[in-house]
Amino acid sequence: MAMSQEHKDALARGRKEARAIASYLDSLGPRKRGRPVTEASIQKRLEATRQSIRSEHNSLRRVELVQRRLDLERQLSALGDKDDRDALEKQFIRYARSYSERKSISRAAWREAGVPASVLQAAGIKR
């Protein structure tokens, strides 16, 4: 039995919504407790790491510090991708309500996944 065009369109819409939702959630990064990571805090740690590299005499420890510096630089670069995250957030806001209704996803689940309350409010997902 062949699928109707309406069914095919609904499946395509669902895939498009799921990609938008997943991309936004991925952009939020892993959910961690504690202080939020800011550009200033990364810059401070990066400068301290650079100073440690210059003064470190143990070659193995210096390699570990170089890796830490590279990780911090990558983290700083990811924070700089704000335009990308803004676009992903707009797509999330566009699709989150219908996706939530279709998949029975609660506001609490989105919050626990790291979605800010203001984004959920903009998407029309209420308590």
N, C-alpha and C. Protein backbone atom coordinates (compact mmCIF):
# COMPACT_ATOMS: atom_id res chain seq x y z
N MET A 1 0.83 -1.17 0.00
CA MET A 1 0.00 0.00 0.00
C MET A 1 0.89 1.25 0.00
N ALA A 2 0.64 2.14 -0.90
CA ALA A 2 1.44 3.36 -1.04
C ALA A 2 0.97 4.40 -0.02
N MET A 3 1.94 5.19 0.44
CA MET A 3 1.61 6.28 1.36
C MET A 3 1.01 7.44 0.58
N SER A 4 0.08 8.13 1.22
CA SER A 4 -0.49 9.31 0.59
C SER A 4 0.53 10.45 0.63
N GLN A 5 0.33 11.42 -0.23
CA GLN A 5 1.22 12.59 -0.24
C GLN A 5 1.15 13.32 1.10
N GLU A 6 -0.04 13.36 1.69
CA GLU A 6 -0.21 14.01 2.99
C GLU A 6 0.64 13.32 4.06
N HIS A 7 0.66 12.00 4.03
CA HIS A 7 1.47 11.24 4.99
C HIS A 7 2.96 11.49 4.75
N LYS A 8 3.37 11.50 3.50
CA LYS A 8 4.77 11.78 3.17
C LYS A 8 5.18 13.17 3.64
N ASP A 9 4.29 14.15 3.44
CA ASP A 9 4.57 15.53 3.87
C ASP A 9 4.69 15.61 5.39
N ALA A 10 3.81 14.89 6.09
CA ALA A 10 3.86 14.89 7.56
C ALA A 10 5.16 14.27 8.06
N LEU A 11 5.61 13.20 7.43
CA LEU A 11 6.88 12.58 7.81
C LEU A 11 8.05 13.53 7.55
N ALA A 12 8.03 14.21 6.43
CA ALA A 12 9.10 15.16 6.11
C ALA A 12 9.11 16.31 7.11
N ARG A 13 7.92 16.82 7.48
CA ARG A 13 7.84 17.88 8.48
C ARG A 13 8.40 17.41 9.81
N GLY A 14 8.06 16.19 10.20
CA GLY A 14 8.56 15.62 11.46
C GLY A 14 10.07 15.50 11.46
N ARG A 15 10.65 15.07 10.35
CA ARG A 15 12.11 14.96 10.26
C ARG A 15 12.76 16.33 10.34
N LYS A 16 12.17 17.32 9.67
CA LYS A 16 12.71 18.68 9.68
C LYS A 16 12.67 19.25 11.10
N GLU A 17 11.55 19.06 11.79
CA GLU A 17 11.43 19.54 13.17
C GLU A 17 12.43 18.85 14.08
N ALA A 18 12.56 17.54 13.94
CA ALA A 18 13.48 16.78 14.79
C ALA A 18 14.92 17.23 14.59
N ARG A 19 15.31 17.50 13.34
CA ARG A 19 16.67 18.00 13.07
C ARG A 19 16.90 19.35 13.73
N ALA A 20 15.91 20.24 13.64
CA ALA A 20 16.04 21.57 14.24
C ALA A 20 16.15 21.48 15.76
N ILE A 21 15.33 20.65 16.36
CA ILE A 21 15.34 20.48 17.82
C ILE A 21 16.68 19.89 18.26
N ALA A 22 17.12 18.83 17.59
CA ALA A 22 18.38 18.16 17.96
C ALA A 22 19.57 19.10 17.78
N SER A 23 19.59 19.87 16.72
CA SER A 23 20.71 20.79 16.48
C SER A 23 20.80 21.84 17.59
N TYR A 24 19.66 22.37 17.99
CA TYR A 24 19.66 23.37 19.07
C TYR A 24 20.14 22.74 20.38
N LEU A 25 19.61 21.57 20.72
CA LEU A 25 20.04 20.91 21.95
C LEU A 25 21.53 20.61 21.93
N ASP A 26 22.05 20.18 20.78
CA ASP A 26 23.49 19.92 20.66
C ASP A 26 24.29 21.20 20.85
N SER A 27 23.75 22.33 20.40
CA SER A 27 24.47 23.59 20.54
C SER A 27 24.57 24.05 21.99
N LEU A 28 23.66 23.56 22.82
CA LEU A 28 23.70 23.92 24.23
C LEU A 28 24.85 23.24 24.95
N GLY A 29 25.36 22.16 24.37
CA GLY A 29 26.48 21.44 24.99
C GLY A 29 25.99 20.55 26.12
N PRO A 30 26.92 19.84 26.73
CA PRO A 30 26.54 18.95 27.82
C PRO A 30 26.01 19.75 29.01
N ARG A 31 25.02 19.20 29.67
CA ARG A 31 24.41 19.86 30.83
C ARG A 31 25.31 19.64 32.03
N LYS A 32 25.77 20.74 32.61
CA LYS A 32 26.66 20.66 33.77
C LYS A 32 26.11 21.51 34.89
N ARG A 33 26.40 21.10 36.10
CA ARG A 33 26.02 21.90 37.26
C ARG A 33 27.14 22.88 37.55
N GLY A 34 26.82 23.89 38.35
CA GLY A 34 27.85 24.84 38.75
C GLY A 34 27.74 26.14 37.99
N ARG A 35 28.79 26.91 38.09
CA ARG A 35 28.81 28.22 37.45
C ARG A 35 28.77 28.10 35.94
N PRO A 36 28.07 29.03 35.30
CA PRO A 36 28.09 29.01 33.83
C PRO A 36 29.47 29.41 33.32
N VAL A 37 29.85 28.86 32.20
CA VAL A 37 31.13 29.17 31.59
C VAL A 37 30.96 30.44 30.76
N THR A 38 31.79 31.42 31.03
CA THR A 38 31.72 32.68 30.28
C THR A 38 33.00 32.88 29.50
N GLU A 39 32.95 33.80 28.57
CA GLU A 39 34.15 34.12 27.79
C GLU A 39 35.26 34.63 28.70
N ALA A 40 34.89 35.46 29.69
CA ALA A 40 35.88 36.01 30.62
C ALA A 40 36.54 34.91 31.45
N SER A 41 35.75 33.95 31.91
CA SER A 41 36.33 32.88 32.74
C SER A 41 37.27 32.00 31.92
N ILE A 42 36.91 31.75 30.67
CA ILE A 42 37.79 30.95 29.80
C ILE A 42 39.07 31.72 29.51
N GLN A 43 38.96 33.02 29.23
CA GLN A 43 40.15 33.84 28.96
C GLN A 43 41.10 33.83 30.15
N LYS A 44 40.54 33.92 31.35
CA LYS A 44 41.35 33.92 32.56
C LYS A 44 42.10 32.59 32.71
N ARG A 45 41.39 31.49 32.51
CA ARG A 45 42.02 30.17 32.60
C ARG A 45 43.05 29.97 31.50
N LEU A 46 42.75 30.51 30.31
CA LEU A 46 43.67 30.39 29.17
C LEU A 46 44.97 31.12 29.45
N GLU A 47 44.89 32.33 29.99
CA GLU A 47 46.10 33.09 30.30
C GLU A 47 46.93 32.39 31.39
N ALA A 48 46.26 31.86 32.40
CA ALA A 48 46.97 31.13 33.46
C ALA A 48 47.66 29.90 32.90
N THR A 49 47.00 29.23 31.98
CA THR A 49 47.58 28.03 31.36
C THR A 49 48.79 28.40 30.51
N ARG A 50 48.69 29.48 29.76
CA ARG A 50 49.84 29.93 28.94
C ARG A 50 51.04 30.26 29.81
N GLN A 51 50.81 30.91 30.94
CA GLN A 51 51.90 31.22 31.87
C GLN A 51 52.51 29.94 32.44
N SER A 52 51.65 28.98 32.75
CA SER A 52 52.15 27.71 33.28
C SER A 52 53.01 26.98 32.25
N ILE A 53 52.61 27.04 30.99
CA ILE A 53 53.39 26.39 29.92
C ILE A 53 54.78 27.00 29.85
N ARG A 54 54.86 28.33 29.91
CA ARG A 54 56.15 29.01 29.81
C ARG A 54 57.08 28.65 30.96
N SER A 55 56.53 28.41 32.14
CA SER A 55 57.37 28.17 33.31
C SER A 55 57.55 26.69 33.64
N GLU A 56 56.86 25.81 32.94
CA GLU A 56 56.91 24.38 33.26
C GLU A 56 58.21 23.76 32.73
N HIS A 57 58.91 23.02 33.60
CA HIS A 57 60.16 22.36 33.21
C HIS A 57 59.98 20.88 32.90
N ASN A 58 58.95 20.30 33.44
CA ASN A 58 58.66 18.88 33.19
C ASN A 58 57.99 18.77 31.83
N SER A 59 58.63 18.04 30.90
CA SER A 59 58.14 17.98 29.52
C SER A 59 56.78 17.29 29.41
N LEU A 60 56.53 16.26 30.22
CA LEU A 60 55.22 15.61 30.18
C LEU A 60 54.12 16.54 30.67
N ARG A 61 54.41 17.23 31.74
CA ARG A 61 53.44 18.18 32.29
C ARG A 61 53.19 19.32 31.28
N ARG A 62 54.22 19.74 30.57
CA ARG A 62 54.07 20.80 29.57
C ARG A 62 53.13 20.34 28.44
N VAL A 63 53.26 19.09 28.01
CA VAL A 63 52.37 18.56 26.97
C VAL A 63 50.92 18.57 27.46
N GLU A 64 50.70 18.20 28.71
CA GLU A 64 49.34 18.23 29.28
C GLU A 64 48.79 19.65 29.30
N LEU A 65 49.66 20.59 29.63
CA LEU A 65 49.23 21.99 29.65
C LEU A 65 48.92 22.51 28.25
N VAL A 66 49.72 22.08 27.27
CA VAL A 66 49.45 22.47 25.88
C VAL A 66 48.07 21.94 25.46
N GLN A 67 47.77 20.71 25.85
CA GLN A 67 46.45 20.15 25.52
C GLN A 67 45.35 20.94 26.21
N ARG A 68 45.56 21.33 27.44
CA ARG A 68 44.57 22.14 28.15
C ARG A 68 44.36 23.47 27.42
N ARG A 69 45.47 24.09 26.96
CA ARG A 69 45.36 25.34 26.21
C ARG A 69 44.55 25.15 24.94
N LEU A 70 44.82 24.07 24.21
CA LEU A 70 44.07 23.79 22.98
C LEU A 70 42.58 23.59 23.28
N ASP A 71 42.28 22.87 24.35
CA ASP A 71 40.88 22.65 24.74
C ASP A 71 40.19 23.97 25.07
N LEU A 72 40.89 24.82 25.82
CA LEU A 72 40.31 26.12 26.19
C LEU A 72 40.11 27.01 24.96
N GLU A 73 41.05 26.98 24.03
CA GLU A 73 40.90 27.77 22.81
C GLU A 73 39.71 27.28 21.98
N ARG A 74 39.52 25.97 21.94
CA ARG A 74 38.38 25.39 21.22
C ARG A 74 37.07 25.80 21.90
N GLN A 75 37.08 25.77 23.22
CA GLN A 75 35.89 26.16 23.98
C GLN A 75 35.57 27.65 23.74
N LEU A 76 36.58 28.46 23.71
CA LEU A 76 36.41 29.89 23.47
C LEU A 76 35.86 30.12 22.06
N SER A 77 36.36 29.38 21.11
CA SER A 77 35.88 29.49 19.74
C SER A 77 34.41 29.09 19.64
N ALA A 78 34.02 28.06 20.36
CA ALA A 78 32.62 27.61 20.34
C ALA A 78 31.69 28.68 20.91
N LEU A 79 32.16 29.40 21.91
CA LEU A 79 31.35 30.50 22.45
C LEU A 79 31.18 31.61 21.43
N GLY A 80 32.14 31.74 20.55
CA GLY A 80 32.09 32.76 19.52
C GLY A 80 31.09 32.46 18.42
N ASP A 81 30.55 31.25 18.40
CA ASP A 81 29.59 30.85 17.37
C ASP A 81 28.17 31.27 17.76
N LYS A 82 28.03 32.45 18.35
CA LYS A 82 26.74 32.93 18.84
C LYS A 82 25.73 33.08 17.71
N ASP A 83 26.17 33.54 16.54
CA ASP A 83 25.25 33.71 15.43
C ASP A 83 24.61 32.38 15.04
N ASP A 84 25.43 31.32 15.01
CA ASP A 84 24.90 30.00 14.70
C ASP A 84 23.89 29.57 15.75
N ARG A 85 24.21 29.78 17.02
CA ARG A 85 23.30 29.38 18.09
C ARG A 85 22.00 30.17 18.02
N ASP A 86 22.08 31.46 17.67
CA ASP A 86 20.88 32.28 17.53
C ASP A 86 19.96 31.71 16.45
N ALA A 87 20.55 31.32 15.33
CA ALA A 87 19.76 30.74 14.23
C ALA A 87 19.13 29.42 14.67
N LEU A 88 19.90 28.60 15.37
CA LEU A 88 19.37 27.32 15.86
C LEU A 88 18.26 27.56 16.87
N GLU A 89 18.44 28.57 17.72
CA GLU A 89 17.41 28.89 18.72
C GLU A 89 16.11 29.31 18.03
N LYS A 90 16.21 30.12 16.99
CA LYS A 90 15.02 30.54 16.25
C LYS A 90 14.28 29.34 15.66
N GLN A 91 15.03 28.40 15.12
CA GLN A 91 14.40 27.20 14.57
C GLN A 91 13.75 26.37 15.69
N PHE A 92 14.43 26.26 16.82
CA PHE A 92 13.87 25.54 17.96
C PHE A 92 12.54 26.18 18.36
N ILE A 93 12.54 27.51 18.50
CA ILE A 93 11.33 28.23 18.89
C ILE A 93 10.20 27.98 17.89
N ARG A 94 10.55 27.92 16.64
CA ARG A 94 9.54 27.72 15.58
C ARG A 94 8.87 26.34 15.70
N TYR A 95 9.64 25.31 16.04
CA TYR A 95 9.12 23.95 15.99
C TYR A 95 8.85 23.30 17.35
N ALA A 96 9.35 23.85 18.42
CA ALA A 96 9.31 23.15 19.71
C ALA A 96 7.91 22.85 20.21
N ARG A 97 6.99 23.77 20.02
CA ARG A 97 5.65 23.55 20.55
C ARG A 97 4.96 22.36 19.87
N SER A 98 4.96 22.34 18.55
CA SER A 98 4.30 21.23 17.86
C SER A 98 5.04 19.91 18.13
N TYR A 99 6.35 19.97 18.18
CA TYR A 99 7.14 18.78 18.47
C TYR A 99 6.82 18.26 19.88
N SER A 100 6.74 19.17 20.83
CA SER A 100 6.44 18.80 22.21
C SER A 100 5.06 18.16 22.32
N GLU A 101 4.09 18.75 21.65
CA GLU A 101 2.73 18.21 21.69
C GLU A 101 2.68 16.83 21.05
N ARG A 102 3.33 16.69 19.92
CA ARG A 102 3.31 15.40 19.21
C ARG A 102 4.02 14.31 19.99
N LYS A 103 5.13 14.66 20.66
CA LYS A 103 5.94 13.68 21.38
C LYS A 103 5.66 13.65 22.88
N SER A 104 4.71 14.47 23.35
CA SER A 104 4.35 14.56 24.78
C SER A 104 5.57 14.88 25.65
N ILE A 105 6.30 15.91 25.25
CA ILE A 105 7.47 16.35 26.01
C ILE A 105 7.08 17.55 26.85
N SER A 106 7.32 17.44 28.14
CA SER A 106 6.91 18.48 29.08
C SER A 106 7.94 19.62 29.15
N ARG A 107 7.49 20.74 29.66
CA ARG A 107 8.38 21.87 29.91
C ARG A 107 9.52 21.46 30.84
N ALA A 108 9.18 20.66 31.87
CA ALA A 108 10.20 20.21 32.83
C ALA A 108 11.29 19.40 32.13
N ALA A 109 10.92 18.59 31.17
CA ALA A 109 11.92 17.78 30.44
C ALA A 109 12.84 18.69 29.63
N TRP A 110 12.26 19.71 28.98
CA TRP A 110 13.09 20.65 28.22
C TRP A 110 14.02 21.40 29.15
N ARG A 111 13.52 21.83 30.31
CA ARG A 111 14.36 22.57 31.25
C ARG A 111 15.51 21.69 31.74
N GLU A 112 15.20 20.44 32.05
CA GLU A 112 16.26 19.54 32.52
C GLU A 112 17.30 19.28 31.43
N ALA A 113 16.88 19.37 30.17
CA ALA A 113 17.80 19.19 29.04
C ALA A 113 18.65 20.44 28.81
N GLY A 114 18.35 21.52 29.55
CA GLY A 114 19.18 22.71 29.45
C GLY A 114 18.58 23.85 28.64
N VAL A 115 17.35 23.71 28.19
CA VAL A 115 16.71 24.78 27.41
C VAL A 115 16.29 25.89 28.38
N PRO A 116 16.73 27.11 28.15
CA PRO A 116 16.36 28.22 29.04
C PRO A 116 14.85 28.47 29.05
N ALA A 117 14.35 28.90 30.19
CA ALA A 117 12.92 29.18 30.34
C ALA A 117 12.46 30.23 29.33
N SER A 118 13.29 31.22 29.06
CA SER A 118 12.91 32.28 28.12
C SER A 118 12.70 31.72 26.70
N VAL A 119 13.48 30.73 26.32
CA VAL A 119 13.33 30.11 25.00
C VAL A 119 12.03 29.32 24.94
N LEU A 120 11.73 28.60 26.02
CA LEU A 120 10.47 27.85 26.06
C LEU A 120 9.28 28.78 26.04
N GLN A 121 9.38 29.89 26.74
CA GLN A 121 8.31 30.88 26.74
C GLN A 121 8.08 31.40 25.31
N ALA A 122 9.17 31.72 24.63
CA ALA A 122 9.07 32.22 23.25
C ALA A 122 8.46 31.18 22.32
N ALA A 123 8.70 29.91 22.64
CA ALA A 123 8.16 28.82 21.82
C ALA A 123 6.70 28.53 22.14
N GLY A 124 6.19 29.14 23.20
CA GLY A 124 4.80 28.90 23.59
C GLY A 124 4.61 27.67 24.43
N ILE A 125 5.67 27.20 25.05
CA ILE A 125 5.59 26.03 25.92
C ILE A 125 5.48 26.54 27.35
N LYS A 126 4.26 26.36 27.88
CA LYS A 126 3.96 26.91 29.20
C LYS A 126 3.97 25.83 30.25
N ARG A 127 3.99 26.26 31.51
CA ARG A 127 3.97 25.30 32.63
C ARG A 127 2.70 24.50 32.65
